[in-house]
Amino acid sequence: MLPCLNKELFGLECLGCGIQRATAFLFKGEFIAAFKIYPAIYTLILLICFLVFSLFFKIKYSEKIKAGLLILNILIILINYLVKNFL
């Protein structure tokens, strides 16, 4: 795994810390461990799948769905960051 430069230099995890390990856990089939390491992993996968799917098919309200998923991901990532570093 690649080390987090932010964590090594400043001692604080970055917003993406854990996504590599969570992805590795997903490929191993350890779904709960992946969530514990990086809670936004499943919503990010959902967002990516929706973005790819919307490239090929016209979806009603797709812009609102994309915006909602994006906001949801940002909130989960920020809350996770705050909990890991300050609580």
Protein backbone atom coordinates (compact mmCIF):
# COMPACT_ATOMS: atom_id res chain seq x y z
CA MET A 1 0.00 0.00 0.00
CA LEU A 2 1.09 3.54 -0.68
CA PRO A 3 1.70 5.54 2.49
CA CYS A 4 -0.26 8.73 3.10
CA LEU A 5 2.13 11.64 2.69
CA ASN A 6 -0.15 13.93 4.69
CA LYS A 7 -0.16 11.53 7.62
CA GLU A 8 3.61 11.11 7.53
CA LEU A 9 4.33 14.84 7.34
CA PHE A 10 1.63 16.32 9.56
CA GLY A 11 0.39 13.40 11.64
CA LEU A 12 -3.21 13.83 10.45
CA GLU A 13 -5.03 11.53 8.10
CA CYS A 14 -6.22 13.09 4.84
CA LEU A 15 -9.75 12.89 3.44
CA GLY A 16 -8.82 9.84 1.36
CA CYS A 17 -6.95 7.89 4.01
CA GLY A 18 -8.25 4.36 4.11
CA ILE A 19 -9.68 4.11 0.61
CA GLN A 20 -6.86 1.81 -0.57
CA ARG A 21 -7.25 -0.52 2.36
CA ALA A 22 -11.05 -0.45 2.05
CA THR A 23 -10.80 -1.37 -1.63
CA ALA A 24 -8.42 -4.22 -0.79
CA PHE A 25 -10.88 -5.46 1.86
CA LEU A 26 -13.69 -5.34 -0.72
CA PHE A 27 -11.72 -7.50 -3.13
CA LYS A 28 -11.08 -9.98 -0.30
CA GLY A 29 -14.80 -10.05 0.51
CA GLU A 30 -14.43 -8.41 3.91
CA PHE A 31 -17.28 -5.92 3.53
CA ILE A 32 -17.66 -4.87 7.16
CA ALA A 33 -13.92 -4.24 7.52
CA ALA A 34 -14.01 -2.11 4.36
CA PHE A 35 -16.80 0.00 5.84
CA LYS A 36 -14.99 0.40 9.16
CA ILE A 37 -11.82 1.58 7.41
CA TYR A 38 -13.54 4.00 4.99
CA PRO A 39 -17.32 4.42 5.41
CA ALA A 40 -17.78 6.26 2.12
CA ILE A 41 -16.57 3.30 0.06
CA TYR A 42 -20.06 2.04 -0.77
CA THR A 43 -21.55 5.41 -1.61
CA LEU A 44 -18.52 6.17 -3.80
CA ILE A 45 -19.04 2.92 -5.66
CA LEU A 46 -22.71 3.78 -6.07
CA LEU A 47 -21.81 7.24 -7.40
CA ILE A 48 -19.27 5.85 -9.87
CA CYS A 49 -21.68 3.18 -11.09
CA PHE A 50 -24.42 5.77 -11.54
CA LEU A 51 -22.07 8.10 -13.44
CA VAL A 52 -21.03 5.30 -15.80
CA PHE A 53 -24.61 4.09 -16.21
CA SER A 54 -25.83 7.61 -17.00
CA LEU A 55 -23.30 7.88 -19.82
CA PHE A 56 -25.11 5.15 -21.72
CA PHE A 57 -28.73 5.64 -20.68
CA LYS A 58 -30.91 8.69 -20.30
CA ILE A 59 -32.17 8.83 -16.73
CA LYS A 60 -34.91 11.12 -15.53
CA TYR A 61 -33.64 13.51 -12.84
CA SER A 62 -30.07 12.28 -13.33
CA GLU A 63 -28.56 15.67 -12.48
CA LYS A 64 -30.42 15.79 -9.17
CA ILE A 65 -29.42 12.22 -8.37
CA LYS A 66 -25.77 12.97 -9.18
CA ALA A 67 -25.86 16.08 -7.01
CA GLY A 68 -27.49 14.17 -4.16
CA LEU A 69 -24.98 11.34 -4.31
CA LEU A 70 -22.11 13.81 -4.50
CA ILE A 71 -23.35 15.73 -1.46
CA LEU A 72 -23.89 12.48 0.43
CA ASN A 73 -20.33 11.36 -0.33
CA ILE A 74 -18.84 14.69 0.69
CA LEU A 75 -20.75 14.62 3.98
CA ILE A 76 -19.69 11.06 4.79
CA ILE A 77 -16.06 11.78 3.92
CA LEU A 78 -15.98 14.98 6.01
CA ILE A 79 -17.66 13.36 9.01
CA ASN A 80 -15.28 10.41 8.80
CA TYR A 81 -12.30 12.81 8.60
CA LEU A 82 -13.47 14.75 11.65
CA VAL A 83 -14.14 11.61 13.68
CA LYS A 84 -10.78 10.02 12.83
CA ASN A 85 -8.69 13.09 13.52
CA PHE A 86 -10.44 14.97 16.28
CA LEU A 87 -12.53 12.53 18.35
